[in-house]
């Protein structure tokens, strides 16, 4: 048996077409095709997932903070509205000036400040109620109304 270049000595010679179909493999050595992911690919994917999860946790924390602030502002708005409704229902003529008082809602400590000013029309007074939280800067709510003098109105 003659030996050909590029062929194994223990196998019979094959035609070039047969060699092309086998992918050019010779002497029983097959190309090793790996299935799955390399360690680097897995680590990169885990890093991308970690960054995405960190961003989503930050967003959820921000939403929770925003929800708590919105709840405080809602309760402060109710306190201001209650103060103005009480003033309208008593038909009282408020004195010009400012006064602060407790107007807590539930377990939320709130301070209401009522500021009464005169208007160009002497029959009306402007009443502004602002609500703050002790120890926190800024106002949570502010409402303004105009109150008529019910005692000077003819029946």
N, C-alpha and C. Protein backbone atom coordinates (compact mmCIF):
# COMPACT_ATOMS: atom_id res chain seq x y z
N UNK A 1 0.85 -1.17 0.00
CA UNK A 1 0.00 0.00 0.00
C UNK A 1 0.90 1.23 0.00
N UNK A 2 0.58 2.11 -0.88
CA UNK A 2 1.37 3.34 -0.98
C UNK A 2 0.81 4.37 -0.04
N UNK A 3 1.66 5.17 0.46
CA UNK A 3 1.23 6.19 1.42
C UNK A 3 1.06 7.51 0.71
N UNK A 4 -0.08 8.13 0.93
CA UNK A 4 -0.36 9.43 0.32
C UNK A 4 -0.20 10.52 1.37
N UNK A 5 0.18 11.66 0.93
CA UNK A 5 0.34 12.80 1.83
C UNK A 5 -1.03 13.30 2.22
N UNK A 6 -1.22 13.56 3.50
CA UNK A 6 -2.49 14.10 3.99
C UNK A 6 -3.46 13.03 4.41
N UNK A 7 -3.10 11.78 4.30
CA UNK A 7 -3.99 10.71 4.70
C UNK A 7 -3.33 9.87 5.76
N UNK A 8 -4.13 9.21 6.56
CA UNK A 8 -3.60 8.32 7.59
C UNK A 8 -3.16 7.02 6.94
N UNK A 9 -2.17 6.41 7.52
CA UNK A 9 -1.65 5.17 6.94
C UNK A 9 -2.55 3.98 7.23
N UNK A 10 -3.35 4.07 8.28
CA UNK A 10 -4.18 2.91 8.60
C UNK A 10 -5.55 2.96 7.95
N UNK A 11 -5.84 3.97 7.17
CA UNK A 11 -7.13 4.06 6.49
C UNK A 11 -6.91 4.02 4.99
N UNK A 12 -7.90 3.49 4.30
CA UNK A 12 -7.77 3.50 2.85
C UNK A 12 -7.96 4.92 2.33
N UNK A 13 -7.38 5.18 1.20
CA UNK A 13 -7.47 6.50 0.60
C UNK A 13 -8.89 6.77 0.16
N UNK A 14 -9.31 8.03 0.36
CA UNK A 14 -10.66 8.42 -0.05
C UNK A 14 -10.56 9.44 -1.16
N UNK A 15 -11.62 9.52 -1.87
CA UNK A 15 -11.67 10.47 -2.96
C UNK A 15 -11.77 11.89 -2.40
N UNK A 16 -11.37 12.90 -3.18
CA UNK A 16 -11.45 14.29 -2.70
C UNK A 16 -12.87 14.70 -2.34
N UNK A 17 -13.89 14.20 -3.01
CA UNK A 17 -15.29 14.54 -2.69
C UNK A 17 -15.65 14.04 -1.30
N UNK A 18 -15.16 12.87 -0.94
CA UNK A 18 -15.44 12.32 0.39
C UNK A 18 -14.76 13.14 1.46
N UNK A 19 -13.56 13.65 1.14
CA UNK A 19 -12.86 14.48 2.11
C UNK A 19 -13.60 15.79 2.36
N UNK A 20 -14.19 16.35 1.30
CA UNK A 20 -14.94 17.60 1.45
C UNK A 20 -16.18 17.40 2.29
N UNK A 21 -16.85 16.27 2.15
CA UNK A 21 -18.07 16.02 2.93
C UNK A 21 -17.75 15.85 4.40
N UNK A 22 -16.60 15.32 4.71
CA UNK A 22 -16.27 15.12 6.13
C UNK A 22 -15.69 16.37 6.76
N UNK A 23 -15.60 17.45 5.99
CA UNK A 23 -15.11 18.71 6.53
C UNK A 23 -13.61 18.77 6.57
N UNK A 24 -12.94 17.93 5.80
CA UNK A 24 -11.49 17.96 5.75
C UNK A 24 -10.85 17.30 6.95
N UNK A 25 -11.60 16.55 7.74
CA UNK A 25 -11.05 15.91 8.91
C UNK A 25 -10.25 14.69 8.48
N UNK A 26 -9.14 14.50 9.12
CA UNK A 26 -8.33 13.35 8.76
C UNK A 26 -7.86 12.65 10.02
N UNK A 27 -7.58 11.40 9.90
CA UNK A 27 -7.02 10.56 10.95
C UNK A 27 -7.89 10.52 12.19
N UNK A 28 -9.18 10.63 12.07
CA UNK A 28 -10.09 10.46 13.20
C UNK A 28 -10.14 11.65 14.15
N UNK A 29 -9.42 12.69 13.86
CA UNK A 29 -9.47 13.86 14.74
C UNK A 29 -10.63 14.75 14.33
N UNK A 30 -11.63 14.88 15.18
CA UNK A 30 -12.78 15.73 14.87
C UNK A 30 -12.57 17.10 15.53
N UNK A 31 -13.06 18.12 14.87
CA UNK A 31 -13.01 19.45 15.48
C UNK A 31 -13.90 19.44 16.70
N UNK A 32 -13.38 19.98 17.77
CA UNK A 32 -14.13 20.01 19.03
C UNK A 32 -15.04 21.25 19.02
N UNK A 33 -16.34 21.02 18.92
CA UNK A 33 -17.30 22.12 18.95
C UNK A 33 -17.83 22.24 20.36
N UNK A 34 -17.58 23.38 21.02
CA UNK A 34 -18.06 23.55 22.39
C UNK A 34 -19.51 24.02 22.36
N UNK A 35 -20.26 23.47 23.28
CA UNK A 35 -21.65 23.89 23.41
C UNK A 35 -21.79 24.55 24.77
N UNK A 36 -22.47 25.72 24.84
CA UNK A 36 -22.62 26.43 26.09
C UNK A 36 -21.87 27.76 26.04
N UNK A 37 -21.68 28.35 27.23
CA UNK A 37 -21.05 29.66 27.33
C UNK A 37 -19.72 29.54 28.04
N UNK A 38 -18.82 30.45 27.71
CA UNK A 38 -17.54 30.49 28.42
C UNK A 38 -17.75 31.23 29.74
N UNK A 39 -16.77 31.10 30.60
CA UNK A 39 -16.85 31.75 31.92
C UNK A 39 -16.90 33.27 31.77
N UNK A 40 -16.16 33.82 30.84
CA UNK A 40 -16.16 35.27 30.62
C UNK A 40 -17.54 35.74 30.19
N UNK A 41 -18.18 35.01 29.30
CA UNK A 41 -19.53 35.39 28.85
C UNK A 41 -20.52 35.37 30.00
N UNK A 42 -20.41 34.37 30.87
CA UNK A 42 -21.30 34.29 32.03
C UNK A 42 -21.04 35.45 32.97
N UNK A 43 -19.79 35.79 33.22
CA UNK A 43 -19.47 36.91 34.12
C UNK A 43 -19.94 38.24 33.56
N UNK A 44 -19.81 38.44 32.27
CA UNK A 44 -20.30 39.68 31.65
C UNK A 44 -21.82 39.76 31.78
N UNK A 45 -22.51 38.66 31.54
CA UNK A 45 -23.97 38.65 31.67
C UNK A 45 -24.38 38.94 33.11
N UNK A 46 -23.68 38.36 34.08
CA UNK A 46 -24.00 38.62 35.50
C UNK A 46 -23.74 40.07 35.86
N UNK A 47 -22.69 40.67 35.32
CA UNK A 47 -22.41 42.08 35.59
C UNK A 47 -23.51 42.97 35.03
N UNK A 48 -23.98 42.67 33.84
CA UNK A 48 -25.06 43.46 33.23
C UNK A 48 -26.33 43.32 34.06
N UNK A 49 -26.64 42.12 34.51
CA UNK A 49 -27.84 41.90 35.33
C UNK A 49 -27.71 42.63 36.66
N UNK A 50 -26.50 42.61 37.27
CA UNK A 50 -26.30 43.29 38.54
C UNK A 50 -26.51 44.80 38.41
N UNK A 51 -26.01 45.39 37.33
CA UNK A 51 -26.19 46.83 37.12
C UNK A 51 -27.67 47.16 36.92
N UNK A 52 -28.38 46.32 36.17
CA UNK A 52 -29.81 46.55 35.94
C UNK A 52 -30.59 46.43 37.23
N UNK A 53 -30.27 45.45 38.07
CA UNK A 53 -30.97 45.30 39.35
C UNK A 53 -30.68 46.46 40.29
N UNK A 54 -29.44 46.94 40.30
CA UNK A 54 -29.11 48.08 41.15
C UNK A 54 -29.89 49.32 40.73
N UNK A 55 -30.01 49.53 39.43
CA UNK A 55 -30.78 50.68 38.94
C UNK A 55 -32.25 50.55 39.29
N UNK A 56 -32.79 49.35 39.19
CA UNK A 56 -34.21 49.17 39.52
C UNK A 56 -34.45 49.33 41.01
N UNK A 57 -33.52 48.89 41.86
CA UNK A 57 -33.67 49.09 43.30
C UNK A 57 -33.65 50.57 43.65
N UNK A 58 -32.80 51.32 42.98
CA UNK A 58 -32.76 52.76 43.23
C UNK A 58 -34.07 53.42 42.81
N UNK A 59 -34.62 52.99 41.69
CA UNK A 59 -35.90 53.55 41.22
C UNK A 59 -37.03 53.21 42.18
N UNK A 60 -37.05 51.99 42.69
CA UNK A 60 -38.09 51.59 43.64
C UNK A 60 -37.97 52.39 44.93
N UNK A 61 -36.74 52.60 45.40
CA UNK A 61 -36.54 53.41 46.59
C UNK A 61 -37.00 54.84 46.39
N UNK A 62 -36.76 55.38 45.22
CA UNK A 62 -37.20 56.74 44.91
C UNK A 62 -38.73 56.82 44.88
N UNK A 63 -39.37 55.80 44.32
CA UNK A 63 -40.84 55.78 44.29
C UNK A 63 -41.42 55.70 45.70
N UNK A 64 -40.80 54.90 46.56
CA UNK A 64 -41.28 54.79 47.94
C UNK A 64 -41.15 56.11 48.66
N UNK A 65 -40.03 56.81 48.44
CA UNK A 65 -39.84 58.13 49.04
C UNK A 65 -40.88 59.12 48.51
N UNK A 66 -41.12 59.09 47.23
CA UNK A 66 -42.10 59.98 46.62
C UNK A 66 -43.51 59.70 47.13
N UNK A 67 -43.82 58.43 47.36
CA UNK A 67 -45.15 58.06 47.86
C UNK A 67 -45.34 58.59 49.27
N UNK A 68 -44.32 58.50 50.12
CA UNK A 68 -44.42 59.00 51.49
C UNK A 68 -44.60 60.52 51.49
N UNK A 69 -43.87 61.21 50.63
CA UNK A 69 -44.00 62.67 50.54
C UNK A 69 -45.39 63.05 50.03
N UNK A 70 -45.89 62.32 49.07
CA UNK A 70 -47.23 62.58 48.54
C UNK A 70 -48.29 62.37 49.62
N UNK A 71 -48.11 61.33 50.43
CA UNK A 71 -49.06 61.06 51.52
C UNK A 71 -49.06 62.21 52.54
N UNK A 72 -47.87 62.71 52.90
CA UNK A 72 -47.78 63.85 53.83
C UNK A 72 -48.47 65.08 53.24
N UNK A 73 -48.25 65.33 51.95
CA UNK A 73 -48.87 66.50 51.31
C UNK A 73 -50.40 66.36 51.24
N UNK A 74 -50.87 65.15 51.02
CA UNK A 74 -52.32 64.92 50.99
C UNK A 74 -52.93 65.23 52.36
N UNK A 75 -52.33 64.72 53.43
CA UNK A 75 -52.84 64.98 54.78
C UNK A 75 -52.74 66.46 55.14
N UNK A 76 -51.68 67.12 54.69
CA UNK A 76 -51.54 68.56 54.94
C UNK A 76 -52.62 69.34 54.20
N UNK A 77 -52.93 68.95 52.98
CA UNK A 77 -54.02 69.60 52.23
C UNK A 77 -55.36 69.43 52.92
N UNK A 78 -55.59 68.24 53.47
CA UNK A 78 -56.84 68.03 54.21
C UNK A 78 -56.90 68.93 55.45
N UNK A 79 -55.78 69.09 56.14
CA UNK A 79 -55.75 69.95 57.33
C UNK A 79 -56.06 71.40 56.96
N UNK A 80 -55.47 71.89 55.88
CA UNK A 80 -55.73 73.27 55.45
C UNK A 80 -57.19 73.43 55.03
N UNK A 81 -57.71 72.46 54.30
CA UNK A 81 -59.11 72.51 53.87
C UNK A 81 -60.05 72.46 55.07
N UNK A 82 -59.74 71.64 56.06
CA UNK A 82 -60.57 71.57 57.28
C UNK A 82 -60.58 72.90 58.02
N UNK A 83 -59.43 73.56 58.08
CA UNK A 83 -59.35 74.86 58.77
C UNK A 83 -60.21 75.91 58.08
N UNK A 84 -60.13 75.96 56.75
CA UNK A 84 -60.95 76.94 56.01
C UNK A 84 -62.43 76.59 56.07
N UNK A 85 -62.77 75.32 56.04
CA UNK A 85 -64.17 74.91 56.13
C UNK A 85 -64.74 75.27 57.50
N UNK A 86 -63.96 75.08 58.54
CA UNK A 86 -64.41 75.44 59.88
C UNK A 86 -64.65 76.94 59.99
N UNK A 87 -63.80 77.74 59.37
CA UNK A 87 -63.96 79.19 59.38
C UNK A 87 -65.24 79.60 58.65
N UNK A 88 -65.53 78.98 57.51
CA UNK A 88 -66.75 79.29 56.77
C UNK A 88 -68.00 78.85 57.51
N UNK A 89 -67.95 77.68 58.16
CA UNK A 89 -69.14 77.16 58.84
C UNK A 89 -69.48 77.92 60.12
N UNK A 90 -68.50 78.49 60.78
CA UNK A 90 -68.79 79.26 62.00
C UNK A 90 -69.27 80.67 61.69
N UNK A 91 -69.16 81.09 60.43
CA UNK A 91 -69.57 82.44 60.00
C UNK A 91 -68.88 83.51 60.85
N UNK A 92 -67.67 83.21 61.29
CA UNK A 92 -66.92 84.16 62.12
C UNK A 92 -66.20 85.16 61.21
N UNK A 93 -66.07 86.38 61.72
CA UNK A 93 -65.33 87.43 61.01
C UNK A 93 -63.91 87.41 61.58
N UNK A 94 -62.95 86.91 60.83
CA UNK A 94 -61.60 86.73 61.40
C UNK A 94 -60.89 88.05 61.59
N UNK A 95 -60.12 88.11 62.67
CA UNK A 95 -59.31 89.30 62.96
C UNK A 95 -58.06 89.28 62.08
N UNK A 96 -57.63 90.49 61.64
CA UNK A 96 -56.42 90.59 60.83
C UNK A 96 -55.22 90.20 61.70
N UNK A 97 -54.34 89.37 61.13
CA UNK A 97 -53.15 88.93 61.86
C UNK A 97 -52.84 87.47 61.54
N UNK A 98 -51.90 86.92 62.30
CA UNK A 98 -51.47 85.54 62.08
C UNK A 98 -51.57 84.76 63.38
N UNK A 99 -51.87 83.49 63.25
CA UNK A 99 -51.86 82.58 64.39
C UNK A 99 -51.47 81.19 63.92
N UNK A 100 -50.77 80.45 64.76
CA UNK A 100 -50.36 79.08 64.46
C UNK A 100 -50.99 78.15 65.47
N UNK A 101 -51.35 76.95 65.02
CA UNK A 101 -51.99 75.97 65.90
C UNK A 101 -51.74 74.57 65.34
N UNK A 102 -51.94 73.58 66.20
CA UNK A 102 -51.75 72.19 65.82
C UNK A 102 -52.92 71.72 64.95
N UNK A 103 -52.62 71.08 63.84
CA UNK A 103 -53.66 70.55 62.97
C UNK A 103 -53.26 69.16 62.47
N UNK A 104 -52.79 68.33 63.40
CA UNK A 104 -52.28 67.00 63.06
C UNK A 104 -53.36 66.14 62.43
N UNK A 105 -52.91 65.25 61.57
CA UNK A 105 -53.79 64.27 60.92
C UNK A 105 -53.23 62.89 61.22
N UNK A 106 -54.01 62.07 61.91
CA UNK A 106 -53.55 60.73 62.25
C UNK A 106 -52.29 60.81 63.10
N UNK A 107 -51.25 60.09 62.71
CA UNK A 107 -50.00 60.12 63.47
C UNK A 107 -48.99 61.09 62.87
N UNK A 108 -49.43 61.97 61.99
CA UNK A 108 -48.56 62.96 61.36
C UNK A 108 -48.73 64.31 62.06
N UNK A 109 -47.65 64.78 62.70
CA UNK A 109 -47.66 66.06 63.40
C UNK A 109 -47.59 67.19 62.39
N UNK A 110 -48.60 68.08 62.38
CA UNK A 110 -48.65 69.20 61.46
C UNK A 110 -48.95 70.49 62.22
N UNK A 111 -48.43 71.59 61.70
CA UNK A 111 -48.68 72.92 62.26
C UNK A 111 -49.32 73.78 61.17
N UNK A 112 -50.51 74.33 61.46
CA UNK A 112 -51.20 75.22 60.53
C UNK A 112 -50.95 76.66 60.95
N UNK A 113 -50.68 77.51 59.98
CA UNK A 113 -50.53 78.94 60.22
C UNK A 113 -51.58 79.67 59.41
N UNK A 114 -52.45 80.38 60.12
CA UNK A 114 -53.54 81.13 59.48
C UNK A 114 -53.13 82.60 59.43
N UNK A 115 -53.09 83.15 58.23
CA UNK A 115 -52.69 84.55 58.03
C UNK A 115 -53.87 85.29 57.41
N UNK A 116 -54.45 86.23 58.16
CA UNK A 116 -55.63 86.99 57.72
C UNK A 116 -55.19 88.41 57.36
N UNK A 117 -55.60 88.85 56.14
CA UNK A 117 -55.30 90.21 55.70
C UNK A 117 -56.57 90.88 55.21
N UNK A 118 -56.56 92.20 55.25
CA UNK A 118 -57.70 92.97 54.75
C UNK A 118 -57.64 93.03 53.23
N UNK A 119 -58.79 93.22 52.62
CA UNK A 119 -58.88 93.35 51.17
C UNK A 119 -59.30 94.79 50.83
N UNK A 120 -59.20 95.18 49.57
CA UNK A 120 -59.67 96.53 49.20
C UNK A 120 -61.15 96.72 49.51
N UNK A 121 -61.93 95.67 49.45
CA UNK A 121 -63.35 95.74 49.80
C UNK A 121 -63.47 95.42 51.29
N UNK A 122 -63.97 96.34 52.10
CA UNK A 122 -64.00 96.12 53.56
C UNK A 122 -64.96 95.02 54.00
N UNK A 123 -65.78 94.49 53.11
CA UNK A 123 -66.71 93.43 53.47
C UNK A 123 -66.04 92.05 53.43
N UNK A 124 -64.85 91.96 52.87
CA UNK A 124 -64.15 90.67 52.73
C UNK A 124 -62.80 90.70 53.42
N UNK A 125 -62.35 89.51 53.83
CA UNK A 125 -61.01 89.31 54.37
C UNK A 125 -60.37 88.12 53.65
N UNK A 126 -59.11 88.25 53.36
CA UNK A 126 -58.37 87.17 52.72
C UNK A 126 -57.74 86.31 53.81
N UNK A 127 -57.99 85.00 53.73
CA UNK A 127 -57.45 84.07 54.72
C UNK A 127 -56.56 83.06 53.99
N UNK A 128 -55.32 82.97 54.44
CA UNK A 128 -54.35 82.03 53.87
C UNK A 128 -53.93 81.06 54.96
N UNK A 129 -54.04 79.78 54.68
CA UNK A 129 -53.63 78.75 55.63
C UNK A 129 -52.46 77.98 55.00
N UNK A 130 -51.33 77.97 55.70
CA UNK A 130 -50.18 77.18 55.25
C UNK A 130 -49.88 76.11 56.29
N UNK A 131 -49.52 74.93 55.81
CA UNK A 131 -49.29 73.78 56.68
C UNK A 131 -47.84 73.35 56.57
N UNK A 132 -47.19 73.22 57.73
CA UNK A 132 -45.81 72.77 57.78
C UNK A 132 -45.70 71.58 58.72
N UNK A 133 -44.57 70.91 58.63
CA UNK A 133 -44.28 69.79 59.51
C UNK A 133 -43.09 70.18 60.39
N UNK A 134 -43.21 70.05 61.71
CA UNK A 134 -42.10 70.45 62.58
C UNK A 134 -40.81 69.69 62.23
N UNK A 135 -39.72 70.43 62.14
CA UNK A 135 -38.43 69.82 61.84
C UNK A 135 -38.15 69.62 60.37
N UNK A 136 -39.10 69.96 59.50
CA UNK A 136 -38.90 69.82 58.05
C UNK A 136 -39.04 71.19 57.40
N UNK A 137 -38.11 71.54 56.51
CA UNK A 137 -38.20 72.85 55.87
C UNK A 137 -39.29 72.88 54.80
N UNK A 138 -39.84 74.04 54.58
CA UNK A 138 -40.82 74.24 53.51
C UNK A 138 -42.24 73.91 53.94
N UNK A 139 -43.16 74.34 53.08
CA UNK A 139 -44.59 74.10 53.31
C UNK A 139 -45.03 72.83 52.62
N UNK A 140 -45.94 72.12 53.26
CA UNK A 140 -46.53 70.94 52.64
C UNK A 140 -47.78 71.31 51.83
N UNK A 141 -48.52 72.30 52.33
CA UNK A 141 -49.74 72.72 51.63
C UNK A 141 -50.02 74.18 51.96
N UNK A 142 -50.75 74.82 51.04
CA UNK A 142 -51.16 76.21 51.24
C UNK A 142 -52.49 76.42 50.52
N UNK A 143 -53.45 76.99 51.23
CA UNK A 143 -54.76 77.29 50.63
C UNK A 143 -55.18 78.70 51.01
N UNK A 144 -55.89 79.34 50.09
CA UNK A 144 -56.33 80.72 50.29
C UNK A 144 -57.81 80.81 49.97
N UNK A 145 -58.53 81.59 50.78
CA UNK A 145 -59.94 81.86 50.50
C UNK A 145 -60.25 83.30 50.92
N UNK A 146 -61.41 83.75 50.49
CA UNK A 146 -61.90 85.07 50.88
C UNK A 146 -63.17 84.84 51.68
N UNK A 147 -63.24 85.47 52.87
CA UNK A 147 -64.37 85.27 53.77
C UNK A 147 -65.19 86.57 53.82
N UNK A 148 -66.52 86.47 53.62
CA UNK A 148 -67.35 87.68 53.73
C UNK A 148 -67.72 87.95 55.18
N UNK A 149 -68.05 89.21 55.46
CA UNK A 149 -68.52 89.58 56.79
C UNK A 149 -70.03 89.30 56.83
N UNK A 150 -70.40 88.20 57.45
CA UNK A 150 -71.80 87.77 57.50
C UNK A 150 -72.65 88.69 58.37
N UNK A 151 -72.04 89.36 59.34
CA UNK A 151 -72.83 90.21 60.25
C UNK A 151 -73.25 91.51 59.60
N UNK A 152 -72.53 91.98 58.57
CA UNK A 152 -72.89 93.24 57.93
C UNK A 152 -73.82 93.04 56.73
N UNK A 153 -74.21 91.82 56.46
CA UNK A 153 -75.06 91.54 55.31
C UNK A 153 -76.53 91.72 55.72
N UNK A 154 -77.32 92.45 54.90
CA UNK A 154 -78.74 92.62 55.24
C UNK A 154 -79.51 91.32 55.02
N UNK A 155 -80.47 91.07 55.87
CA UNK A 155 -81.29 89.87 55.75
C UNK A 155 -82.43 90.05 54.82
